[in-house]
Every structure is written in structure tokens, then in C-alpha cells.
Amino acid sequence: YVAPQEYGYRTDTRWLMLSDNKGNGIKVSQVNEVVPLSFSARNYTNEDLTIESRGVKHTYEIEPRDLVELNIDYKQMGVGGDDSWGARTHEKYTLFPKNYEYSFVIEPTK
């Protein structure tokens, strides 16, 4: 079976809009063109997709919530190298420990 997990991560985005059928919602935009947005938006919380919280093992067992959880990230680091038994993440996909600064704009729509 496929265990539920985080999914739908988007990168290299200039702007995104979340709205209802009437156009009410929010628009999120990048501040400068050098650093694009990276995000995910789902009808589940991250906790819903964690086995300890959800108590279910299959995707069809998770009930969508009446919400959209929006996660905006500066970047995400790769999860592994070229194999599944211990190779490190390639350096170009590694986020090294340091202070990062990131800005974006959230504005209402309609």
C-alpha cells in the first residue's frame, strides 16, 4: 500500500492565489525575482499525514478537512543521495546550517 505522506510541493513560483468561488482569498507573491516561492497547499494538515497522528495506513482513510493548509518555504533540502542506504544528499541540494532570510507578500483578494 501507499502510506499517506506530504505531497504537492511546488517550486519556482512567482505568485499563488487561494480563493473561494466568489474570489475571496489571498494572493502570495515573491518579493524579488531572484528568490521564487516554494509551497504546498492541501486539504489536510501535516499531522494528518503522519502515522502517529492519523492512526490510519491508507490514503483513502484520511478525510479531507474544510480548510486549506498553506506551507510557504524558502527551500527544502533533498532527502538523500543516489541510494537508499546511506549516501549523503548532493551538495547542490543541501541546506547547510546558517541564518537564512526570506520575504514574501500576502494580500487579500477581492
PDB file of N, CA and C in Angstrom:
ATOM      1  N   TYR A   1       0.828  -1.188   0.000  1.00  0.00           N
ATOM      2  CA  TYR A   1       0.000   0.000   0.000  1.00  0.00           C
ATOM      3  C   TYR A   1       0.863   1.239   0.000  1.00  0.00           C
ATOM      4  N   VAL A   2       0.291   2.316  -0.426  1.00  0.00           N
ATOM      5  CA  VAL A   2       0.979   3.601  -0.390  1.00  0.00           C
ATOM      6  C   VAL A   2       0.566   4.314   0.893  1.00  0.00           C
ATOM      7  N   ALA A   3       1.530   4.561   1.758  1.00  0.00           N
ATOM      8  CA  ALA A   3       1.240   5.266   3.002  1.00  0.00           C
ATOM      9  C   ALA A   3       1.082   6.750   2.726  1.00  0.00           C
ATOM     10  N   PRO A   4       0.088   7.407   3.324  1.00  0.00           N
ATOM     11  CA  PRO A   4      -0.071   8.849   3.135  1.00  0.00           C
ATOM     12  C   PRO A   4       1.159   9.590   3.632  1.00  0.00           C
ATOM     13  N   GLN A   5       1.551  10.597   2.900  1.00  0.00           N
ATOM     14  CA  GLN A   5       2.688  11.418   3.279  1.00  0.00           C
ATOM     15  C   GLN A   5       2.538  12.791   2.638  1.00  0.00           C
ATOM     16  N   GLU A   6       3.425  13.711   3.016  1.00  0.00           N
ATOM     17  CA  GLU A   6       3.368  15.041   2.420  1.00  0.00           C
ATOM     18  C   GLU A   6       3.538  14.933   0.913  1.00  0.00           C
ATOM     19  N   TYR A   7       2.847  15.789   0.190  1.00  0.00           N
ATOM     20  CA  TYR A   7       2.890  15.752  -1.273  1.00  0.00           C
ATOM     21  C   TYR A   7       2.534  17.122  -1.824  1.00  0.00           C
ATOM     22  N   GLY A   8       2.697  17.309  -3.133  1.00  0.00           N
ATOM     23  CA  GLY A   8       2.241  18.517  -3.802  1.00  0.00           C
ATOM     24  C   GLY A   8       3.137  19.728  -3.637  1.00  0.00           C
ATOM     25  N   TYR A   9       4.404  19.531  -3.322  1.00  0.00           N
ATOM     26  CA  TYR A   9       5.322  20.649  -3.149  1.00  0.00           C
ATOM     27  C   TYR A   9       5.616  21.300  -4.495  1.00  0.00           C
ATOM     28  N   ARG A  10       5.493  22.609  -4.573  1.00  0.00           N
ATOM     29  CA  ARG A  10       5.713  23.357  -5.812  1.00  0.00           C
ATOM     30  C   ARG A  10       6.879  24.319  -5.612  1.00  0.00           C
ATOM     31  N   THR A  11       7.684  24.477  -6.654  1.00  0.00           N
ATOM     32  CA  THR A  11       8.834  25.376  -6.583  1.00  0.00           C
ATOM     33  C   THR A  11       8.809  26.346  -7.751  1.00  0.00           C
ATOM     34  N   ASP A  12       9.714  27.320  -7.719  1.00  0.00           N
ATOM     35  CA  ASP A  12       9.888  28.295  -8.801  1.00  0.00           C
ATOM     36  C   ASP A  12       8.587  29.003  -9.168  1.00  0.00           C
ATOM     37  N   THR A  13       7.854  29.445  -8.157  1.00  0.00           N
ATOM     38  CA  THR A  13       6.551  30.085  -8.339  1.00  0.00           C
ATOM     39  C   THR A  13       6.673  31.589  -8.115  1.00  0.00           C
ATOM     40  N   ARG A  14       6.122  32.382  -9.024  1.00  0.00           N
ATOM     41  CA  ARG A  14       6.145  33.847  -8.867  1.00  0.00           C
ATOM     42  C   ARG A  14       5.061  34.319  -7.916  1.00  0.00           C
ATOM     43  N   TRP A  15       3.871  33.740  -8.031  1.00  0.00           N
ATOM     44  CA  TRP A  15       2.766  34.106  -7.151  1.00  0.00           C
ATOM     45  C   TRP A  15       1.772  32.944  -7.114  1.00  0.00           C
ATOM     46  N   LEU A  16       0.942  32.936  -6.082  1.00  0.00           N
ATOM     47  CA  LEU A  16      -0.134  31.951  -5.982  1.00  0.00           C
ATOM     48  C   LEU A  16      -1.339  32.618  -5.371  1.00  0.00           C
ATOM     49  N   MET A  17      -2.513  32.100  -5.697  1.00  0.00           N
ATOM     50  CA  MET A  17      -3.749  32.647  -5.161  1.00  0.00           C
ATOM     51  C   MET A  17      -4.620  31.502  -4.667  1.00  0.00           C
ATOM     52  N   LEU A  18      -5.165  31.667  -3.471  1.00  0.00           N
ATOM     53  CA  LEU A  18      -6.136  30.744  -2.909  1.00  0.00           C
ATOM     54  C   LEU A  18      -7.419  31.519  -2.697  1.00  0.00           C
ATOM     55  N   SER A  19      -8.528  31.028  -3.265  1.00  0.00           N
ATOM     56  CA  SER A  19      -9.779  31.781  -3.136  1.00  0.00           C
ATOM     57  C   SER A  19     -10.969  30.834  -3.135  1.00  0.00           C
ATOM     58  N   ASP A  20     -12.095  31.363  -2.658  1.00  0.00           N
ATOM     59  CA  ASP A  20     -13.335  30.609  -2.720  1.00  0.00           C
ATOM     60  C   ASP A  20     -14.013  30.867  -4.072  1.00  0.00           C
ATOM     61  N   ASN A  21     -15.219  30.349  -4.247  1.00  0.00           N
ATOM     62  CA  ASN A  21     -15.939  30.501  -5.516  1.00  0.00           C
ATOM     63  C   ASN A  21     -16.291  31.953  -5.846  1.00  0.00           C
ATOM     64  N   LYS A  22     -16.282  32.828  -4.833  1.00  0.00           N
ATOM     65  CA  LYS A  22     -16.597  34.238  -5.048  1.00  0.00           C
ATOM     66  C   LYS A  22     -15.344  35.078  -5.279  1.00  0.00           C
ATOM     67  N   GLY A  23     -14.184  34.454  -5.252  1.00  0.00           N
ATOM     68  CA  GLY A  23     -12.944  35.196  -5.471  1.00  0.00           C
ATOM     69  C   GLY A  23     -12.323  35.767  -4.213  1.00  0.00           C
ATOM     70  N   ASN A  24     -12.926  35.504  -3.050  1.00  0.00           N
ATOM     71  CA  ASN A  24     -12.364  35.981  -1.786  1.00  0.00           C
ATOM     72  C   ASN A  24     -11.241  35.054  -1.359  1.00  0.00           C
ATOM     73  N   GLY A  25     -10.109  35.623  -0.999  1.00  0.00           N
ATOM     74  CA  GLY A  25      -8.999  34.781  -0.586  1.00  0.00           C
ATOM     75  C   GLY A  25      -7.744  35.580  -0.377  1.00  0.00           C
ATOM     76  N   ILE A  26      -6.621  34.962  -0.687  1.00  0.00           N
ATOM     77  CA  ILE A  26      -5.330  35.620  -0.538  1.00  0.00           C
ATOM     78  C   ILE A  26      -4.480  35.384  -1.785  1.00  0.00           C
ATOM     79  N   LYS A  27      -3.577  36.344  -2.005  1.00  0.00           N
ATOM     80  CA  LYS A  27      -2.565  36.208  -3.041  1.00  0.00           C
ATOM     81  C   LYS A  27      -1.217  36.306  -2.340  1.00  0.00           C
ATOM     82  N   VAL A  28      -0.326  35.368  -2.641  1.00  0.00           N
ATOM     83  CA  VAL A  28       1.024  35.372  -2.086  1.00  0.00           C
ATOM     84  C   VAL A  28       1.988  35.602  -3.238  1.00  0.00           C
ATOM     85  N   SER A  29       2.874  36.590  -3.082  1.00  0.00           N
ATOM     86  CA  SER A  29       3.810  36.957  -4.154  1.00  0.00           C
ATOM     87  C   SER A  29       5.241  36.968  -3.639  1.00  0.00           C
ATOM     88  N   GLN A  30       6.163  36.692  -4.550  1.00  0.00           N
ATOM     89  CA  GLN A  30       7.578  36.815  -4.212  1.00  0.00           C
ATOM     90  C   GLN A  30       7.930  38.290  -4.096  1.00  0.00           C
ATOM     91  N   VAL A  31       8.915  38.605  -3.282  1.00  0.00           N
ATOM     92  CA  VAL A  31       9.339  39.997  -3.098  1.00  0.00           C
ATOM     93  C   VAL A  31      10.298  40.410  -4.193  1.00  0.00           C
ATOM     94  N   ASN A  32      11.181  39.511  -4.573  1.00  0.00           N
ATOM     95  CA  ASN A  32      12.095  39.827  -5.669  1.00  0.00           C
ATOM     96  C   ASN A  32      12.175  38.621  -6.597  1.00  0.00           C
ATOM     97  N   GLU A  33      12.615  38.859  -7.811  1.00  0.00           N
ATOM     98  CA  GLU A  33      12.601  37.807  -8.827  1.00  0.00           C
ATOM     99  C   GLU A  33      13.723  36.792  -8.650  1.00  0.00           C
ATOM    100  N   VAL A  34      14.660  37.079  -7.773  1.00  0.00           N
ATOM    101  CA  VAL A  34      15.777  36.163  -7.561  1.00  0.00           C
ATOM    102  C   VAL A  34      15.346  34.955  -6.729  1.00  0.00           C
ATOM    103  N   VAL A  35      14.457  35.175  -5.749  1.00  0.00           N
ATOM    104  CA  VAL A  35      14.039  34.099  -4.856  1.00  0.00           C
ATOM    105  C   VAL A  35      12.556  33.808  -5.082  1.00  0.00           C
ATOM    106  N   PRO A  36      12.242  32.764  -5.849  1.00  0.00           N
ATOM    107  CA  PRO A  36      10.833  32.430  -6.081  1.00  0.00           C
ATOM    108  C   PRO A  36      10.204  31.764  -4.862  1.00  0.00           C
ATOM    109  N   LEU A  37       8.882  31.640  -4.882  1.00  0.00           N
ATOM    110  CA  LEU A  37       8.151  30.956  -3.820  1.00  0.00           C
ATOM    111  C   LEU A  37       8.266  29.449  -3.989  1.00  0.00           C
ATOM    112  N   SER A  38       8.235  28.761  -2.873  1.00  0.00           N
ATOM    113  CA  SER A  38       8.079  27.308  -2.830  1.00  0.00           C
ATOM    114  C   SER A  38       6.969  27.042  -1.828  1.00  0.00           C
ATOM    115  N   PHE A  39       6.022  26.171  -2.171  1.00  0.00           N
ATOM    116  CA  PHE A  39       4.860  25.998  -1.298  1.00  0.00           C
ATOM    117  C   PHE A  39       4.164  24.657  -1.528  1.00  0.00           C
ATOM    118  N   SER A  40       3.273  24.343  -0.599  1.00  0.00           N
ATOM    119  CA  SER A  40       2.299  23.269  -0.778  1.00  0.00           C
ATOM    120  C   SER A  40       0.984  23.769  -0.189  1.00  0.00           C
ATOM    121  N   ALA A  41      -0.122  23.293  -0.729  1.00  0.00           N
ATOM    122  CA  ALA A  41      -1.459  23.660  -0.237  1.00  0.00           C
ATOM    123  C   ALA A  41      -2.321  22.410  -0.311  1.00  0.00           C
ATOM    124  N   ARG A  42      -2.860  21.988   0.842  1.00  0.00           N
ATOM    125  CA  ARG A  42      -3.627  20.737   0.901  1.00  0.00           C
ATOM    126  C   ARG A  42      -4.836  20.869   1.814  1.00  0.00           C
ATOM    127  N   ASN A  43      -5.792  19.983   1.626  1.00  0.00           N
ATOM    128  CA  ASN A  43      -6.963  19.897   2.495  1.00  0.00           C
ATOM    129  C   ASN A  43      -6.713  18.971   3.685  1.00  0.00           C
ATOM    130  N   TYR A  44      -5.461  18.811   4.038  1.00  0.00           N
ATOM    131  CA  TYR A  44      -5.047  18.016   5.188  1.00  0.00           C
ATOM    132  C   TYR A  44      -3.974  18.798   5.923  1.00  0.00           C
ATOM    133  N   THR A  45      -3.823  18.536   7.207  1.00  0.00           N
ATOM    134  CA  THR A  45      -2.700  19.105   7.940  1.00  0.00           C
ATOM    135  C   THR A  45      -1.509  18.165   7.798  1.00  0.00           C
ATOM    136  N   ASN A  46      -0.319  18.666   8.067  1.00  0.00           N
ATOM    137  CA  ASN A  46       0.846  17.788   8.055  1.00  0.00           C
ATOM    138  C   ASN A  46       0.682  16.666   9.075  1.00  0.00           C
ATOM    139  N   GLU A  47       0.046  16.971  10.192  1.00  0.00           N
ATOM    140  CA  GLU A  47      -0.177  15.957  11.220  1.00  0.00           C
ATOM    141  C   GLU A  47      -1.111  14.852  10.719  1.00  0.00           C
ATOM    142  N   ASP A  48      -2.089  15.212   9.884  1.00  0.00           N
ATOM    143  CA  ASP A  48      -2.983  14.200   9.314  1.00  0.00           C
ATOM    144  C   ASP A  48      -2.218  13.173   8.490  1.00  0.00           C
ATOM    145  N   LEU A  49      -1.088  13.597   7.945  1.00  0.00           N
ATOM    146  CA  LEU A  49      -0.309  12.733   7.063  1.00  0.00           C
ATOM    147  C   LEU A  49       0.836  12.031   7.793  1.00  0.00           C
ATOM    148  N   THR A  50       0.828  12.097   9.118  1.00  0.00           N
ATOM    149  CA  THR A  50       1.831  11.432   9.942  1.00  0.00           C
ATOM    150  C   THR A  50       1.167  10.269  10.651  1.00  0.00           C
ATOM    151  N   ILE A  51       1.704   9.082  10.528  1.00  0.00           N
ATOM    152  CA  ILE A  51       1.051   7.879  11.040  1.00  0.00           C
ATOM    153  C   ILE A  51       0.738   7.970  12.540  1.00  0.00           C
ATOM    154  N   GLU A  52       1.612   8.629  13.318  1.00  0.00           N
ATOM    155  CA  GLU A  52       1.364   8.736  14.755  1.00  0.00           C
ATOM    156  C   GLU A  52       0.097   9.537  15.044  1.00  0.00           C
ATOM    157  N   SER A  53      -0.220  10.514  14.206  1.00  0.00           N
ATOM    158  CA  SER A  53      -1.380  11.375  14.424  1.00  0.00           C
ATOM    159  C   SER A  53      -2.646  10.821  13.790  1.00  0.00           C
ATOM    160  N   ARG A  54      -2.525  10.268  12.589  1.00  0.00           N
ATOM    161  CA  ARG A  54      -3.711   9.901  11.838  1.00  0.00           C
ATOM    162  C   ARG A  54      -4.294   8.574  12.253  1.00  0.00           C
ATOM    163  N   GLY A  55      -3.461   7.631  12.696  1.00  0.00           N
ATOM    164  CA  GLY A  55      -3.963   6.330  13.099  1.00  0.00           C
ATOM    165  C   GLY A  55      -4.464   5.480  11.941  1.00  0.00           C
ATOM    166  N   VAL A  56      -4.230   5.885  10.704  1.00  0.00           N
ATOM    167  CA  VAL A  56      -4.646   5.105   9.534  1.00  0.00           C
ATOM    168  C   VAL A  56      -3.419   4.835   8.669  1.00  0.00           C
ATOM    169  N   LYS A  57      -3.530   3.836   7.805  1.00  0.00           N
ATOM    170  CA  LYS A  57      -2.393   3.438   6.994  1.00  0.00           C
ATOM    171  C   LYS A  57      -2.598   3.653   5.508  1.00  0.00           C
ATOM    172  N   HIS A  58      -3.793   4.038   5.103  1.00  0.00           N
ATOM    173  CA  HIS A  58      -4.091   4.148   3.677  1.00  0.00           C
ATOM    174  C   HIS A  58      -4.631   5.539   3.332  1.00  0.00           C
ATOM    175  N   THR A  59      -4.297   5.999   2.141  1.00  0.00           N
ATOM    176  CA  THR A  59      -4.716   7.324   1.696  1.00  0.00           C
ATOM    177  C   THR A  59      -6.228   7.493   1.735  1.00  0.00           C
ATOM    178  N   TYR A  60      -6.980   6.490   1.303  1.00  0.00           N
ATOM    179  CA  TYR A  60      -8.439   6.607   1.241  1.00  0.00           C
ATOM    180  C   TYR A  60      -9.084   6.725   2.616  1.00  0.00           C
ATOM    181  N   GLU A  61      -8.355   6.446   3.676  1.00  0.00           N
ATOM    182  CA  GLU A  61      -8.905   6.532   5.027  1.00  0.00           C
ATOM    183  C   GLU A  61      -8.830   7.937   5.633  1.00  0.00           C
ATOM    184  N   ILE A  62      -8.117   8.832   4.998  1.00  0.00           N
ATOM    185  CA  ILE A  62      -7.986  10.197   5.529  1.00  0.00           C
ATOM    186  C   ILE A  62      -9.097  11.062   4.962  1.00  0.00           C
ATOM    187  N   GLU A  63      -9.854  11.680   5.834  1.00  0.00           N
ATOM    188  CA  GLU A  63     -10.947  12.563   5.429  1.00  0.00           C
ATOM    189  C   GLU A  63     -10.414  13.969   5.171  1.00  0.00           C
ATOM    190  N   PRO A  64     -10.703  14.548   3.998  1.00  0.00           N
ATOM    191  CA  PRO A  64     -10.285  15.931   3.756  1.00  0.00           C
ATOM    192  C   PRO A  64     -10.940  16.879   4.764  1.00  0.00           C
ATOM    193  N   ARG A  65     -10.221  17.877   5.194  1.00  0.00           N
ATOM    194  CA  ARG A  65     -10.750  18.876   6.132  1.00  0.00           C
ATOM    195  C   ARG A  65     -11.361  20.032   5.357  1.00  0.00           C
ATOM    196  N   ASP A  66     -12.177  20.820   6.048  1.00  0.00           N
ATOM    197  CA  ASP A  66     -12.778  22.008   5.453  1.00  0.00           C
ATOM    198  C   ASP A  66     -11.823  23.187   5.656  1.00  0.00           C
ATOM    199  N   LEU A  67     -10.618  23.037   5.112  1.00  0.00           N
ATOM    200  CA  LEU A  67      -9.579  24.057   5.229  1.00  0.00           C
ATOM    201  C   LEU A  67      -8.542  23.804   4.151  1.00  0.00           C
ATOM    202  N   VAL A  68      -7.694  24.771   3.974  1.00  0.00           N
ATOM    203  CA  VAL A  68      -6.517  24.589   3.122  1.00  0.00           C
ATOM    204  C   VAL A  68      -5.317  24.973   3.974  1.00  0.00           C
ATOM    205  N   GLU A  69      -4.417  24.026   4.186  1.00  0.00           N
ATOM    206  CA  GLU A  69      -3.185  24.321   4.913  1.00  0.00           C
ATOM    207  C   GLU A  69      -2.136  24.720   3.888  1.00  0.00           C
ATOM    208  N   LEU A  70      -1.654  25.954   4.008  1.00  0.00           N
ATOM    209  CA  LEU A  70      -0.660  26.502   3.090  1.00  0.00           C
ATOM    210  C   LEU A  70       0.682  26.549   3.801  1.00  0.00           C
ATOM    211  N   ASN A  71       1.681  25.932   3.208  1.00  0.00           N
ATOM    212  CA  ASN A  71       3.051  25.966   3.725  1.00  0.00           C
ATOM    213  C   ASN A  71       3.914  26.699   2.709  1.00  0.00           C
ATOM    214  N   ILE A  72       4.577  27.763   3.150  1.00  0.00           N
ATOM    215  CA  ILE A  72       5.471  28.523   2.286  1.00  0.00           C
ATOM    216  C   ILE A  72       6.888  28.341   2.834  1.00  0.00           C
ATOM    217  N   ASP A  73       7.790  27.925   1.962  1.00  0.00           N
ATOM    218  CA  ASP A  73       9.155  27.651   2.384  1.00  0.00           C
ATOM    219  C   ASP A  73      10.138  28.449   1.549  1.00  0.00           C
ATOM    220  N   TYR A  74      11.267  28.769   2.166  1.00  0.00           N
ATOM    221  CA  TYR A  74      12.370  29.349   1.403  1.00  0.00           C
ATOM    222  C   TYR A  74      12.908  28.284   0.450  1.00  0.00           C
ATOM    223  N   LYS A  75      13.237  27.148   0.983  1.00  0.00           N
ATOM    224  CA  LYS A  75      13.712  25.999   0.213  1.00  0.00           C
ATOM    225  C   LYS A  75      13.495  24.746   1.046  1.00  0.00           C
ATOM    226  N   GLN A  76      13.626  23.595   0.397  1.00  0.00           N
ATOM    227  CA  GLN A  76      13.648  22.324   1.111  1.00  0.00           C
ATOM    228  C   GLN A  76      14.891  21.573   0.683  1.00  0.00           C
ATOM    229  N   MET A  77      15.477  20.879   1.631  1.00  0.00           N
ATOM    230  CA  MET A  77      16.680  20.115   1.329  1.00  0.00           C
ATOM    231  C   MET A  77      16.296  18.760   0.759  1.00  0.00           C
ATOM    232  N   GLY A  78      17.127  18.251  -0.121  1.00  0.00           N
ATOM    233  CA  GLY A  78      16.925  16.907  -0.636  1.00  0.00           C
ATOM    234  C   GLY A  78      16.939  15.890   0.493  1.00  0.00           C
ATOM    235  N   VAL A  79      16.287  14.748   0.306  1.00  0.00           N
ATOM    236  CA  VAL A  79      16.171  13.757   1.378  1.00  0.00           C
ATOM    237  C   VAL A  79      17.237  12.678   1.332  1.00  0.00           C
ATOM    238  N   GLY A  80      17.995  12.563   0.267  1.00  0.00           N
ATOM    239  CA  GLY A  80      19.025  11.529   0.222  1.00  0.00           C
ATOM    240  C   GLY A  80      19.874  11.630  -1.013  1.00  0.00           C
ATOM    241  N   GLY A  81      20.829  10.744  -1.078  1.00  0.00           N
ATOM    242  CA  GLY A  81      21.745  10.721  -2.199  1.00  0.00           C
ATOM    243  C   GLY A  81      21.254   9.808  -3.303  1.00  0.00           C
ATOM    244  N   ASP A  82      22.186   9.074  -3.878  1.00  0.00           N
ATOM    245  CA  ASP A  82      21.885   8.236  -5.038  1.00  0.00           C
ATOM    246  C   ASP A  82      21.388   6.847  -4.677  1.00  0.00           C
ATOM    247  N   ASP A  83      21.337   6.530  -3.414  1.00  0.00           N
ATOM    248  CA  ASP A  83      20.824   5.221  -2.994  1.00  0.00           C
ATOM    249  C   ASP A  83      19.986   5.396  -1.733  1.00  0.00           C
ATOM    250  N   SER A  84      19.419   4.341  -1.257  1.00  0.00           N
ATOM    251  CA  SER A  84      18.542   4.436  -0.077  1.00  0.00           C
ATOM    252  C   SER A  84      19.207   3.881   1.174  1.00  0.00           C
ATOM    253  N   TRP A  85      20.503   3.655   1.134  1.00  0.00           N
ATOM    254  CA  TRP A  85      21.156   3.047   2.286  1.00  0.00           C
ATOM    255  C   TRP A  85      22.308   3.856   2.846  1.00  0.00           C
ATOM    256  N   GLY A  86      22.267   5.171   2.700  1.00  0.00           N
ATOM    257  CA  GLY A  86      23.221   5.984   3.425  1.00  0.00           C
ATOM    258  C   GLY A  86      23.977   7.042   2.656  1.00  0.00           C
ATOM    259  N   ALA A  87      23.847   7.107   1.348  1.00  0.00           N
ATOM    260  CA  ALA A  87      24.558   8.152   0.601  1.00  0.00           C
ATOM    261  C   ALA A  87      24.027   9.526   1.010  1.00  0.00           C
ATOM    262  N   ARG A  88      24.928  10.480   1.148  1.00  0.00           N
ATOM    263  CA  ARG A  88      24.559  11.834   1.525  1.00  0.00           C
ATOM    264  C   ARG A  88      23.866  12.544   0.360  1.00  0.00           C
ATOM    265  N   THR A  89      23.094  13.566   0.706  1.00  0.00           N
ATOM    266  CA  THR A  89      22.466  14.417  -0.298  1.00  0.00           C
ATOM    267  C   THR A  89      23.551  15.166  -1.067  1.00  0.00           C
ATOM    268  N   HIS A  90      23.392  15.303  -2.370  1.00  0.00           N
ATOM    269  CA  HIS A  90      24.361  16.054  -3.162  1.00  0.00           C
ATOM    270  C   HIS A  90      24.471  17.475  -2.619  1.00  0.00           C
ATOM    271  N   GLU A  91      25.661  18.022  -2.655  1.00  0.00           N
ATOM    272  CA  GLU A  91      25.923  19.336  -2.068  1.00  0.00           C
ATOM    273  C   GLU A  91      24.995  20.417  -2.620  1.00  0.00           C
ATOM    274  N   LYS A  92      24.698  20.385  -3.936  1.00  0.00           N
ATOM    275  CA  LYS A  92      23.847  21.440  -4.501  1.00  0.00           C
ATOM    276  C   LYS A  92      22.406  21.360  -3.994  1.00  0.00           C
ATOM    277  N   TYR A  93      22.002  20.252  -3.373  1.00  0.00           N
ATOM    278  CA  TYR A  93      20.657  20.096  -2.815  1.00  0.00           C
ATOM    279  C   TYR A  93      20.659  20.165  -1.290  1.00  0.00           C
ATOM    280  N   THR A  94      21.792  20.499  -0.709  1.00  0.00           N
ATOM    281  CA  THR A  94      21.924  20.531   0.751  1.00  0.00           C
ATOM    282  C   THR A  94      21.754  21.959   1.261  1.00  0.00           C
ATOM    283  N   LEU A  95      20.965  22.125   2.311  1.00  0.00           N
ATOM    284  CA  LEU A  95      20.864  23.411   3.016  1.00  0.00           C
ATOM    285  C   LEU A  95      21.740  23.305   4.258  1.00  0.00           C
ATOM    286  N   PHE A  96      22.823  24.046   4.262  1.00  0.00           N
ATOM    287  CA  PHE A  96      23.750  23.991   5.373  1.00  0.00           C
ATOM    288  C   PHE A  96      23.276  24.896   6.498  1.00  0.00           C
ATOM    289  N   PRO A  97      23.614  24.564   7.745  1.00  0.00           N
ATOM    290  CA  PRO A  97      23.202  25.392   8.878  1.00  0.00           C
ATOM    291  C   PRO A  97      23.772  26.805   8.766  1.00  0.00           C
ATOM    292  N   LYS A  98      22.896  27.779   8.728  1.00  0.00           N
ATOM    293  CA  LYS A  98      23.257  29.198   8.741  1.00  0.00           C
ATOM    294  C   LYS A  98      21.958  29.983   8.874  1.00  0.00           C
ATOM    295  N   ASN A  99      22.044  31.274   9.047  1.00  0.00           N
ATOM    296  CA  ASN A  99      20.855  32.115   9.109  1.00  0.00           C
ATOM    297  C   ASN A  99      20.397  32.413   7.686  1.00  0.00           C
ATOM    298  N   TYR A 100      19.110  32.183   7.428  1.00  0.00           N
ATOM    299  CA  TYR A 100      18.521  32.468   6.130  1.00  0.00           C
ATOM    300  C   TYR A 100      17.478  33.566   6.307  1.00  0.00           C
ATOM    301  N   GLU A 101      17.339  34.440   5.328  1.00  0.00           N
ATOM    302  CA  GLU A 101      16.282  35.455   5.325  1.00  0.00           C
ATOM    303  C   GLU A 101      15.468  35.277   4.063  1.00  0.00           C
ATOM    304  N   TYR A 102      14.151  35.432   4.209  1.00  0.00           N
ATOM    305  CA  TYR A 102      13.243  35.185   3.097  1.00  0.00           C
ATOM    306  C   TYR A 102      12.014  36.053   3.292  1.00  0.00           C
ATOM    307  N   SER A 103      11.541  36.698   2.245  1.00  0.00           N
ATOM    308  CA  SER A 103      10.373  37.562   2.348  1.00  0.00           C
ATOM    309  C   SER A 103       9.379  37.243   1.241  1.00  0.00           C
ATOM    310  N   PHE A 104       8.112  37.420   1.567  1.00  0.00           N
ATOM    311  CA  PHE A 104       7.043  37.302   0.587  1.00  0.00           C
ATOM    312  C   PHE A 104       5.902  38.196   1.048  1.00  0.00           C
ATOM    313  N   VAL A 105       4.970  38.466   0.157  1.00  0.00           N
ATOM    314  CA  VAL A 105       3.850  39.364   0.457  1.00  0.00           C
ATOM    315  C   VAL A 105       2.563  38.565   0.410  1.00  0.00           C
ATOM    316  N   ILE A 106       1.716  38.754   1.426  1.00  0.00           N
ATOM    317  CA  ILE A 106       0.378  38.153   1.461  1.00  0.00           C
ATOM    318  C   ILE A 106      -0.624  39.299   1.436  1.00  0.00           C
ATOM    319  N   GLU A 107      -1.538  39.268   0.461  1.00  0.00           N
ATOM    320  CA  GLU A 107      -2.551  40.331   0.372  1.00  0.00           C
ATOM    321  C   GLU A 107      -3.920  39.702   0.106  1.00  0.00           C
ATOM    322  N   PRO A 108      -5.000  40.350   0.577  1.00  0.00           N
ATOM    323  CA  PRO A 108      -6.336  39.820   0.340  1.00  0.00           C
ATOM    324  C   PRO A 108      -6.736  40.008  -1.125  1.00  0.00           C
ATOM    325  N   THR A 109      -7.611  39.137  -1.589  1.00  0.00           N
ATOM    326  CA  THR A 109      -8.174  39.294  -2.925  1.00  0.00           C
ATOM    327  C   THR A 109      -9.644  39.637  -2.796  1.00  0.00           C
ATOM    328  N   LYS A 110     -10.124  40.410  -3.706  1.00  0.00           N
ATOM    329  CA  LYS A 110     -11.500  40.880  -3.818  1.00  0.00           C
ATOM    330  C   LYS A 110     -12.001  41.710  -2.696  1.00  0.00           C
TER     331      LYS A 110
END
